[in-house]
PDB file of all heavy atoms in Angstrom:
ATOM      1  N   PRO A   1      -0.397   8.908   8.598  1.00  0.00           N
ATOM      2  CA  PRO A   1      -0.402   7.465   8.882  1.00  0.00           C
ATOM      3  C   PRO A   1      -1.795   6.870   9.018  1.00  0.00           C
ATOM      4  O   PRO A   1      -1.967   5.657   8.845  1.00  0.00           O
ATOM      5  CB  PRO A   1       0.367   7.362  10.210  1.00  0.00           C
ATOM      6  CG  PRO A   1       1.244   8.568  10.234  1.00  0.00           C
ATOM      7  CD  PRO A   1       0.427   9.641   9.577  1.00  0.00           C
ATOM      8  N   LEU A   2      -2.789   7.705   9.302  1.00  0.00           N
ATOM      9  CA  LEU A   2      -4.156   7.197   9.429  1.00  0.00           C
ATOM     10  C   LEU A   2      -4.684   6.673   8.097  1.00  0.00           C
ATOM     11  O   LEU A   2      -5.661   5.910   8.058  1.00  0.00           O
ATOM     12  CB  LEU A   2      -5.078   8.296   9.959  1.00  0.00           C
ATOM     13  CG  LEU A   2      -4.681   8.926  11.302  1.00  0.00           C
ATOM     14  CD1 LEU A   2      -5.680  10.003  11.705  1.00  0.00           C
ATOM     15  CD2 LEU A   2      -4.581   7.853  12.387  1.00  0.00           C
ATOM     16  N   LEU A   3      -4.037   7.075   6.988  1.00  0.00           N
ATOM     17  CA  LEU A   3      -4.441   6.590   5.670  1.00  0.00           C
ATOM     18  C   LEU A   3      -4.044   5.136   5.450  1.00  0.00           C
ATOM     19  O   LEU A   3      -4.485   4.509   4.486  1.00  0.00           O
ATOM     20  CB  LEU A   3      -3.796   7.455   4.574  1.00  0.00           C
ATOM     21  CG  LEU A   3      -4.131   8.949   4.581  1.00  0.00           C
ATOM     22  CD1 LEU A   3      -3.297   9.684   3.532  1.00  0.00           C
ATOM     23  CD2 LEU A   3      -5.609   9.158   4.323  1.00  0.00           C
ATOM     24  N   ALA A   4      -3.217   4.594   6.333  1.00  0.00           N
ATOM     25  CA  ALA A   4      -2.730   3.221   6.152  1.00  0.00           C
ATOM     26  C   ALA A   4      -3.803   2.170   6.426  1.00  0.00           C
ATOM     27  O   ALA A   4      -3.667   1.028   6.002  1.00  0.00           O
ATOM     28  CB  ALA A   4      -1.512   2.977   7.038  1.00  0.00           C
ATOM     29  N   GLY A   5      -4.854   2.533   7.142  1.00  0.00           N
ATOM     30  CA  GLY A   5      -5.910   1.561   7.423  1.00  0.00           C
ATOM     31  C   GLY A   5      -6.750   1.967   8.611  1.00  0.00           C
ATOM     32  O   GLY A   5      -6.361   2.813   9.424  1.00  0.00           O
ATOM     33  N   ASP A   6      -7.908   1.340   8.722  1.00  0.00           N
ATOM     34  CA  ASP A   6      -8.842   1.675   9.799  1.00  0.00           C
ATOM     35  C   ASP A   6      -8.326   1.260  11.172  1.00  0.00           C
ATOM     36  O   ASP A   6      -8.804   1.753  12.196  1.00  0.00           O
ATOM     37  CB  ASP A   6     -10.198   1.004   9.540  1.00  0.00           C
ATOM     38  CG  ASP A   6     -10.876   1.547   8.286  1.00  0.00           C
ATOM     39  OD1 ASP A   6     -10.561   2.687   7.902  1.00  0.00           O
ATOM     40  OD2 ASP A   6     -11.705   0.822   7.687  1.00  0.00           O
ATOM     41  N   ASN A   7      -7.377   0.320  11.188  1.00  0.00           N
ATOM     42  CA  ASN A   7      -6.859  -0.148  12.474  1.00  0.00           C
ATOM     43  C   ASN A   7      -5.786   0.758  13.053  1.00  0.00           C
ATOM     44  O   ASN A   7      -5.274   0.507  14.149  1.00  0.00           O
ATOM     45  CB  ASN A   7      -6.298  -1.568  12.323  1.00  0.00           C
ATOM     46  CG  ASN A   7      -5.194  -1.634  11.291  1.00  0.00           C
ATOM     47  OD1 ASN A   7      -5.198  -0.868  10.329  1.00  0.00           O
ATOM     48  ND2 ASN A   7      -4.265  -2.555  11.477  1.00  0.00           N
ATOM     49  N   ILE A   8      -5.431   1.825  12.313  1.00  0.00           N
ATOM     50  CA  ILE A   8      -4.449   2.790  12.799  1.00  0.00           C
ATOM     51  C   ILE A   8      -5.187   3.987  13.378  1.00  0.00           C
ATOM     52  O   ILE A   8      -6.028   4.591  12.707  1.00  0.00           O
ATOM     53  CB  ILE A   8      -3.511   3.257  11.671  1.00  0.00           C
ATOM     54  CG1 ILE A   8      -2.878   2.066  10.956  1.00  0.00           C
ATOM     55  CG2 ILE A   8      -2.432   4.176  12.220  1.00  0.00           C
ATOM     56  CD1 ILE A   8      -2.044   1.183  11.855  1.00  0.00           C
ATOM     57  N   SER A   9      -4.887   4.323  14.632  1.00  0.00           N
ATOM     58  CA  SER A   9      -5.609   5.411  15.302  1.00  0.00           C
ATOM     59  C   SER A   9      -4.649   6.484  15.785  1.00  0.00           C
ATOM     60  O   SER A   9      -3.441   6.262  15.915  1.00  0.00           O
ATOM     61  CB  SER A   9      -6.408   4.871  16.486  1.00  0.00           C
ATOM     62  OG  SER A   9      -5.520   4.447  17.507  1.00  0.00           O
ATOM     63  N   SER A  10      -5.208   7.647  16.070  1.00  0.00           N
ATOM     64  CA  SER A  10      -4.408   8.760  16.594  1.00  0.00           C
ATOM     65  C   SER A  10      -3.790   8.428  17.937  1.00  0.00           C
ATOM     66  O   SER A  10      -2.739   8.963  18.299  1.00  0.00           O
ATOM     67  CB  SER A  10      -5.276  10.017  16.726  1.00  0.00           C
ATOM     68  OG  SER A  10      -5.723  10.456  15.469  1.00  0.00           O
ATOM     69  N   ALA A  11      -4.439   7.525  18.682  1.00  0.00           N
ATOM     70  CA  ALA A  11      -3.906   7.137  19.989  1.00  0.00           C
ATOM     71  C   ALA A  11      -2.523   6.507  19.860  1.00  0.00           C
ATOM     72  O   ALA A  11      -1.705   6.586  20.790  1.00  0.00           O
ATOM     73  CB  ALA A  11      -4.862   6.165  20.672  1.00  0.00           C
ATOM     74  N   PHE A  12      -2.259   5.870  18.715  1.00  0.00           N
ATOM     75  CA  PHE A  12      -0.926   5.313  18.466  1.00  0.00           C
ATOM     76  C   PHE A  12      -0.028   6.313  17.751  1.00  0.00           C
ATOM     77  O   PHE A  12       1.148   6.470  18.112  1.00  0.00           O
ATOM     78  CB  PHE A  12      -1.049   4.042  17.615  1.00  0.00           C
ATOM     79  CG  PHE A  12       0.250   3.607  16.996  1.00  0.00           C
ATOM     80  CD1 PHE A  12       1.230   2.992  17.755  1.00  0.00           C
ATOM     81  CD2 PHE A  12       0.503   3.842  15.648  1.00  0.00           C
ATOM     82  CE1 PHE A  12       2.436   2.606  17.184  1.00  0.00           C
ATOM     83  CE2 PHE A  12       1.705   3.465  15.065  1.00  0.00           C
ATOM     84  CZ  PHE A  12       2.678   2.834  15.840  1.00  0.00           C
ATOM     85  N   VAL A  13      -0.573   7.006  16.761  1.00  0.00           N
ATOM     86  CA  VAL A  13       0.257   7.835  15.894  1.00  0.00           C
ATOM     87  C   VAL A  13       0.836   9.043  16.624  1.00  0.00           C
ATOM     88  O   VAL A  13       2.042   9.325  16.530  1.00  0.00           O
ATOM     89  CB  VAL A  13      -0.548   8.292  14.652  1.00  0.00           C
ATOM     90  CG1 VAL A  13       0.264   9.297  13.838  1.00  0.00           C
ATOM     91  CG2 VAL A  13      -0.923   7.098  13.799  1.00  0.00           C
ATOM     92  N   VAL A  14       0.008   9.781  17.336  1.00  0.00           N
ATOM     93  CA  VAL A  14       0.457  11.041  17.941  1.00  0.00           C
ATOM     94  C   VAL A  14       1.609  10.823  18.935  1.00  0.00           C
ATOM     95  O   VAL A  14       2.654  11.495  18.842  1.00  0.00           O
ATOM     96  CB  VAL A  14      -0.721  11.787  18.597  1.00  0.00           C
ATOM     97  CG1 VAL A  14      -0.213  13.019  19.348  1.00  0.00           C
ATOM     98  CG2 VAL A  14      -1.736  12.203  17.533  1.00  0.00           C
ATOM     99  N   PRO A  15       1.495   9.897  19.894  1.00  0.00           N
ATOM    100  CA  PRO A  15       2.646   9.678  20.789  1.00  0.00           C
ATOM    101  C   PRO A  15       3.883   9.164  20.047  1.00  0.00           C
ATOM    102  O   PRO A  15       5.015   9.484  20.447  1.00  0.00           O
ATOM    103  CB  PRO A  15       2.127   8.629  21.784  1.00  0.00           C
ATOM    104  CG  PRO A  15       0.649   8.692  21.694  1.00  0.00           C
ATOM    105  CD  PRO A  15       0.338   9.080  20.278  1.00  0.00           C
ATOM    106  N   THR A  16       3.664   8.390  18.983  1.00  0.00           N
ATOM    107  CA  THR A  16       4.802   7.872  18.213  1.00  0.00           C
ATOM    108  C   THR A  16       5.537   9.001  17.517  1.00  0.00           C
ATOM    109  O   THR A  16       6.781   9.051  17.502  1.00  0.00           O
ATOM    110  CB  THR A  16       4.326   6.834  17.182  1.00  0.00           C
ATOM    111  OG1 THR A  16       3.623   5.783  17.851  1.00  0.00           O
ATOM    112  CG2 THR A  16       5.506   6.235  16.434  1.00  0.00           C
ATOM    113  N   VAL A  17       4.788   9.935  16.916  1.00  0.00           N
ATOM    114  CA  VAL A  17       5.417  11.100  16.285  1.00  0.00           C
ATOM    115  C   VAL A  17       6.185  11.910  17.327  1.00  0.00           C
ATOM    116  O   VAL A  17       7.321  12.350  17.088  1.00  0.00           O
ATOM    117  CB  VAL A  17       4.360  11.976  15.582  1.00  0.00           C
ATOM    118  CG1 VAL A  17       4.970  13.309  15.139  1.00  0.00           C
ATOM    119  CG2 VAL A  17       3.765  11.256  14.382  1.00  0.00           C
ATOM    120  N   ALA A  18       5.584  12.097  18.485  1.00  0.00           N
ATOM    121  CA  ALA A  18       6.227  12.883  19.546  1.00  0.00           C
ATOM    122  C   ALA A  18       7.544  12.262  19.994  1.00  0.00           C
ATOM    123  O   ALA A  18       8.507  12.983  20.303  1.00  0.00           O
ATOM    124  CB  ALA A  18       5.281  13.021  20.733  1.00  0.00           C
ATOM    125  N   SER A  19       7.611  10.942  20.010  1.00  0.00           N
ATOM    126  CA  SER A  19       8.832  10.277  20.474  1.00  0.00           C
ATOM    127  C   SER A  19       9.843  10.057  19.361  1.00  0.00           C
ATOM    128  O   SER A  19      11.034   9.895  19.637  1.00  0.00           O
ATOM    129  CB  SER A  19       8.482   8.925  21.115  1.00  0.00           C
ATOM    130  OG  SER A  19       7.888   8.059  20.153  1.00  0.00           O
ATOM    131  N   CYS A  20       9.366  10.058  18.092  1.00  0.00           N
ATOM    132  CA  CYS A  20      10.263   9.771  16.960  1.00  0.00           C
ATOM    133  C   CYS A  20      11.010  11.013  16.484  1.00  0.00           C
ATOM    134  O   CYS A  20      12.233  10.996  16.336  1.00  0.00           O
ATOM    135  CB  CYS A  20       9.476   9.172  15.791  1.00  0.00           C
ATOM    136  SG  CYS A  20       8.995   7.468  16.047  1.00  0.00           S
ATOM    137  N   PHE A  21      10.289  12.069  16.190  1.00  0.00           N
ATOM    138  CA  PHE A  21      10.912  13.249  15.600  1.00  0.00           C
ATOM    139  C   PHE A  21      11.447  14.178  16.693  1.00  0.00           C
ATOM    140  O   PHE A  21      10.820  14.379  17.731  1.00  0.00           O
ATOM    141  CB  PHE A  21       9.926  14.000  14.709  1.00  0.00           C
ATOM    142  CG  PHE A  21       9.726  13.362  13.372  1.00  0.00           C
ATOM    143  CD1 PHE A  21       8.591  12.628  13.107  1.00  0.00           C
ATOM    144  CD2 PHE A  21      10.695  13.475  12.372  1.00  0.00           C
ATOM    145  CE1 PHE A  21       8.413  12.014  11.879  1.00  0.00           C
ATOM    146  CE2 PHE A  21      10.533  12.870  11.142  1.00  0.00           C
ATOM    147  CZ  PHE A  21       9.389  12.136  10.893  1.00  0.00           C
ATOM    148  N   ASP A  22      12.612  14.736  16.391  1.00  0.00           N
ATOM    149  CA  ASP A  22      13.259  15.650  17.335  1.00  0.00           C
ATOM    150  C   ASP A  22      13.207  17.102  16.860  1.00  0.00           C
ATOM    151  O   ASP A  22      13.023  18.009  17.665  1.00  0.00           O
ATOM    152  CB  ASP A  22      14.721  15.244  17.530  1.00  0.00           C
ATOM    153  CG  ASP A  22      14.864  13.809  18.007  1.00  0.00           C
ATOM    154  OD1 ASP A  22      14.316  13.504  19.078  1.00  0.00           O
ATOM    155  OD2 ASP A  22      15.501  13.003  17.312  1.00  0.00           O
ATOM    156  N   LEU A  23      13.394  17.314  15.544  1.00  0.00           N
ATOM    157  CA  LEU A  23      13.453  18.667  14.994  1.00  0.00           C
ATOM    158  C   LEU A  23      12.528  18.799  13.798  1.00  0.00           C
ATOM    159  O   LEU A  23      12.345  17.852  13.031  1.00  0.00           O
ATOM    160  CB  LEU A  23      14.873  19.016  14.532  1.00  0.00           C
ATOM    161  CG  LEU A  23      15.987  19.128  15.571  1.00  0.00           C
ATOM    162  CD1 LEU A  23      17.307  19.440  14.879  1.00  0.00           C
ATOM    163  CD2 LEU A  23      15.656  20.204  16.589  1.00  0.00           C
ATOM    164  N   VAL A  24      11.979  20.005  13.619  1.00  0.00           N
ATOM    165  CA  VAL A  24      11.238  20.374  12.410  1.00  0.00           C
ATOM    166  C   VAL A  24      11.872  21.648  11.864  1.00  0.00           C
ATOM    167  O   VAL A  24      11.953  22.663  12.557  1.00  0.00           O
ATOM    168  CB  VAL A  24       9.740  20.625  12.685  1.00  0.00           C
ATOM    169  CG1 VAL A  24       9.016  20.933  11.382  1.00  0.00           C
ATOM    170  CG2 VAL A  24       9.110  19.426  13.367  1.00  0.00           C
ATOM    171  N   ILE A  25      12.344  21.570  10.620  1.00  0.00           N
ATOM    172  CA  ILE A  25      12.944  22.730   9.939  1.00  0.00           C
ATOM    173  C   ILE A  25      11.950  23.194   8.888  1.00  0.00           C
ATOM    174  O   ILE A  25      11.639  22.444   7.947  1.00  0.00           O
ATOM    175  CB  ILE A  25      14.281  22.362   9.272  1.00  0.00           C
ATOM    176  CG1 ILE A  25      15.246  21.757  10.279  1.00  0.00           C
ATOM    177  CG2 ILE A  25      14.897  23.579   8.597  1.00  0.00           C
ATOM    178  CD1 ILE A  25      16.486  21.158   9.652  1.00  0.00           C
ATOM    179  N   HIS A  26      11.457  24.411   9.028  1.00  0.00           N
ATOM    180  CA  HIS A  26      10.483  24.915   8.064  1.00  0.00           C
ATOM    181  C   HIS A  26      11.145  25.897   7.095  1.00  0.00           C
ATOM    182  O   HIS A  26      11.757  26.888   7.514  1.00  0.00           O
ATOM    183  CB  HIS A  26       9.313  25.605   8.761  1.00  0.00           C
ATOM    184  CG  HIS A  26       8.242  26.056   7.804  1.00  0.00           C
ATOM    185  ND1 HIS A  26       7.440  25.168   7.121  1.00  0.00           N
ATOM    186  CD2 HIS A  26       7.863  27.294   7.390  1.00  0.00           C
ATOM    187  CE1 HIS A  26       6.608  25.834   6.343  1.00  0.00           C
ATOM    188  NE2 HIS A  26       6.858  27.125   6.479  1.00  0.00           N
ATOM    189  N   CYS A  27      11.041  25.603   5.811  1.00  0.00           N
ATOM    190  CA  CYS A  27      11.634  26.429   4.760  1.00  0.00           C
ATOM    191  C   CYS A  27      10.548  27.244   4.063  1.00  0.00           C
ATOM    192  O   CYS A  27       9.395  26.819   3.963  1.00  0.00           O
ATOM    193  CB  CYS A  27      12.347  25.547   3.724  1.00  0.00           C
ATOM    194  SG  CYS A  27      13.592  24.443   4.412  1.00  0.00           S
ATOM    195  N   GLY A  28      10.924  28.402   3.562  1.00  0.00           N
ATOM    196  CA  GLY A  28       9.970  29.254   2.854  1.00  0.00           C
ATOM    197  C   GLY A  28      10.678  30.178   1.884  1.00  0.00           C
ATOM    198  O   GLY A  28      11.894  30.101   1.694  1.00  0.00           O
ATOM    199  N   ARG A  29       9.899  31.055   1.262  1.00  0.00           N
ATOM    200  CA  ARG A  29      10.440  32.048   0.330  1.00  0.00           C
ATOM    201  C   ARG A  29       9.913  33.420   0.725  1.00  0.00           C
ATOM    202  O   ARG A  29       8.745  33.562   1.113  1.00  0.00           O
ATOM    203  CB  ARG A  29      10.023  31.734  -1.109  1.00  0.00           C
ATOM    204  CG  ARG A  29      10.615  30.451  -1.655  1.00  0.00           C
ATOM    205  CD  ARG A  29      10.496  30.377  -3.160  1.00  0.00           C
ATOM    206  NE  ARG A  29       9.111  30.421  -3.609  1.00  0.00           N
ATOM    207  CZ  ARG A  29       8.738  30.481  -4.880  1.00  0.00           C
ATOM    208  NH1 ARG A  29       9.664  30.532  -5.828  1.00  0.00           N
ATOM    209  NH2 ARG A  29       7.475  30.498  -5.211  1.00  0.00           N
ATOM    210  N   ASP A  30      10.781  34.426   0.625  1.00  0.00           N
ATOM    211  CA  ASP A  30      10.327  35.776   0.931  1.00  0.00           C
ATOM    212  C   ASP A  30       9.621  36.379  -0.284  1.00  0.00           C
ATOM    213  O   ASP A  30       9.405  35.701  -1.298  1.00  0.00           O
ATOM    214  CB  ASP A  30      11.495  36.650   1.399  1.00  0.00           C
ATOM    215  CG  ASP A  30      12.580  36.810   0.334  1.00  0.00           C
ATOM    216  OD1 ASP A  30      12.308  36.561  -0.860  1.00  0.00           O
ATOM    217  OD2 ASP A  30      13.714  37.192   0.692  1.00  0.00           O
TER     218      ASP A  30
END
């Protein structure tokens, strides 16, 4: 999200990600 513009900072993005996403499913190959 920081690529969206100079006015977007980690101070906004990181807490927003923490409150928005609940699960991360990681897929791979053996």
